[in-house]
Amino acid sequence: MNQISAVFKMYKNRIERYFNDNGRNWRDMYRDYNEKMRAEKKKKEQQ
C-alpha cells in the first residue's frame, strides 16, 4: 500500500507544480469547484 501511495504522491506533486508554474493556485481552483458544486446542489434541492 505504501508503494501505491508513493506513486500517487509523486503525481500529485507534479500536478501541483504544473499548476503553480502556470499561474494557477490549485487550492483556489478546488475551493471554487466545491463552491460551484454546492451551489448547483442547493439550486437543485430548491426546485
N, C-alpha and C. Protein backbone atom coordinates (compact mmCIF):
# COMPACT_ATOMS: atom_id res chain seq x y z
N MET A 1 0.83 -1.20 0.00
CA MET A 1 0.00 0.00 0.00
C MET A 1 0.87 1.25 0.00
N ASN A 2 1.97 1.23 0.71
CA ASN A 2 2.87 2.39 0.74
C ASN A 2 3.44 2.70 -0.63
N GLN A 3 3.67 1.65 -1.43
CA GLN A 3 4.20 1.87 -2.77
C GLN A 3 3.19 2.61 -3.63
N ILE A 4 1.92 2.25 -3.50
CA ILE A 4 0.87 2.91 -4.27
C ILE A 4 0.76 4.36 -3.84
N SER A 5 0.80 4.59 -2.54
CA SER A 5 0.71 5.97 -2.03
C SER A 5 1.86 6.81 -2.55
N ALA A 6 3.04 6.24 -2.61
CA ALA A 6 4.20 6.98 -3.10
C ALA A 6 4.01 7.39 -4.55
N VAL A 7 3.43 6.51 -5.36
CA VAL A 7 3.20 6.82 -6.78
C VAL A 7 2.20 7.97 -6.90
N PHE A 8 1.09 7.89 -6.17
CA PHE A 8 0.09 8.95 -6.25
C PHE A 8 0.64 10.27 -5.73
N LYS A 9 1.44 10.21 -4.68
CA LYS A 9 2.03 11.44 -4.14
C LYS A 9 2.95 12.09 -5.17
N MET A 10 3.70 11.27 -5.89
CA MET A 10 4.61 11.78 -6.91
C MET A 10 3.81 12.53 -7.99
N TYR A 11 2.74 11.93 -8.47
CA TYR A 11 1.93 12.59 -9.50
C TYR A 11 1.22 13.80 -8.95
N LYS A 12 0.75 13.74 -7.71
CA LYS A 12 0.09 14.88 -7.09
C LYS A 12 1.06 16.06 -7.04
N ASN A 13 2.28 15.81 -6.65
CA ASN A 13 3.29 16.87 -6.59
C ASN A 13 3.57 17.45 -7.97
N ARG A 14 3.62 16.60 -8.99
CA ARG A 14 3.85 17.08 -10.36
C ARG A 14 2.71 17.98 -10.82
N ILE A 15 1.49 17.55 -10.55
CA ILE A 15 0.32 18.33 -10.97
C ILE A 15 0.29 19.67 -10.24
N GLU A 16 0.56 19.66 -8.94
CA GLU A 16 0.60 20.91 -8.18
C GLU A 16 1.66 21.84 -8.73
N ARG A 17 2.82 21.32 -9.03
CA ARG A 17 3.91 22.13 -9.57
C ARG A 17 3.52 22.71 -10.93
N TYR A 18 2.86 21.90 -11.77
CA TYR A 18 2.41 22.37 -13.08
C TYR A 18 1.46 23.55 -12.94
N PHE A 19 0.46 23.40 -12.07
CA PHE A 19 -0.50 24.49 -11.87
C PHE A 19 0.21 25.74 -11.35
N ASN A 20 1.06 25.58 -10.36
CA ASN A 20 1.75 26.72 -9.78
C ASN A 20 2.66 27.41 -10.79
N ASP A 21 3.34 26.63 -11.62
CA ASP A 21 4.23 27.20 -12.63
C ASP A 21 3.47 27.97 -13.70
N ASN A 22 2.22 27.61 -13.92
CA ASN A 22 1.42 28.25 -14.95
C ASN A 22 0.44 29.27 -14.39
N GLY A 23 0.74 29.79 -13.21
CA GLY A 23 -0.05 30.87 -12.66
C GLY A 23 -1.38 30.47 -12.06
N ARG A 24 -1.53 29.22 -11.72
CA ARG A 24 -2.78 28.75 -11.13
C ARG A 24 -2.50 28.30 -9.70
N ASN A 25 -3.47 28.51 -8.84
CA ASN A 25 -3.36 28.02 -7.48
C ASN A 25 -4.37 26.89 -7.33
N TRP A 26 -3.89 25.67 -7.19
CA TRP A 26 -4.80 24.52 -7.20
C TRP A 26 -5.74 24.54 -6.00
N ARG A 27 -5.33 25.12 -4.89
CA ARG A 27 -6.23 25.21 -3.73
C ARG A 27 -7.41 26.13 -4.03
N ASP A 28 -7.14 27.25 -4.67
CA ASP A 28 -8.21 28.17 -5.06
C ASP A 28 -9.13 27.52 -6.10
N MET A 29 -8.54 26.82 -7.05
CA MET A 29 -9.32 26.15 -8.07
C MET A 29 -10.24 25.10 -7.45
N TYR A 30 -9.73 24.34 -6.49
CA TYR A 30 -10.52 23.30 -5.83
C TYR A 30 -11.63 23.91 -4.99
N ARG A 31 -11.32 25.00 -4.30
CA ARG A 31 -12.33 25.70 -3.49
C ARG A 31 -13.45 26.22 -4.38
N ASP A 32 -13.10 26.84 -5.51
CA ASP A 32 -14.09 27.35 -6.44
C ASP A 32 -14.97 26.23 -7.00
N TYR A 33 -14.34 25.10 -7.30
CA TYR A 33 -15.09 23.95 -7.80
C TYR A 33 -16.10 23.47 -6.76
N ASN A 34 -15.66 23.36 -5.51
CA ASN A 34 -16.57 22.91 -4.45
C ASN A 34 -17.71 23.89 -4.24
N GLU A 35 -17.43 25.17 -4.28
CA GLU A 35 -18.48 26.17 -4.13
C GLU A 35 -19.50 26.06 -5.26
N LYS A 36 -19.02 25.84 -6.47
CA LYS A 36 -19.92 25.69 -7.62
C LYS A 36 -20.81 24.46 -7.46
N MET A 37 -20.22 23.35 -7.04
CA MET A 37 -20.99 22.12 -6.85
C MET A 37 -22.03 22.28 -5.74
N ARG A 38 -21.67 22.94 -4.66
CA ARG A 38 -22.62 23.18 -3.58
C ARG A 38 -23.77 24.06 -4.04
N ALA A 39 -23.45 25.09 -4.82
CA ALA A 39 -24.49 25.99 -5.33
C ALA A 39 -25.44 25.24 -6.26
N GLU A 40 -24.91 24.39 -7.13
CA GLU A 40 -25.76 23.61 -8.03
C GLU A 40 -26.62 22.64 -7.25
N LYS A 41 -26.06 22.02 -6.23
CA LYS A 41 -26.82 21.07 -5.41
C LYS A 41 -27.95 21.79 -4.67
N LYS A 42 -27.64 22.96 -4.12
CA LYS A 42 -28.64 23.75 -3.40
C LYS A 42 -29.76 24.19 -4.35
N LYS A 43 -29.37 24.62 -5.55
CA LYS A 43 -30.36 25.04 -6.54
C LYS A 43 -31.26 23.87 -6.93
N LYS A 44 -30.67 22.70 -7.09
CA LYS A 44 -31.43 21.51 -7.46
C LYS A 44 -32.40 21.12 -6.35
N GLU A 45 -31.98 21.25 -5.10
CA GLU A 45 -32.84 20.89 -3.97
C GLU A 45 -34.00 21.86 -3.84
N GLN A 46 -33.82 23.11 -4.22
CA GLN A 46 -34.87 24.11 -4.11
C GLN A 46 -35.96 23.93 -5.17
N GLN A 47 -35.65 23.25 -6.24
CA GLN A 47 -36.62 23.08 -7.32
C GLN A 47 -37.67 22.05 -6.99
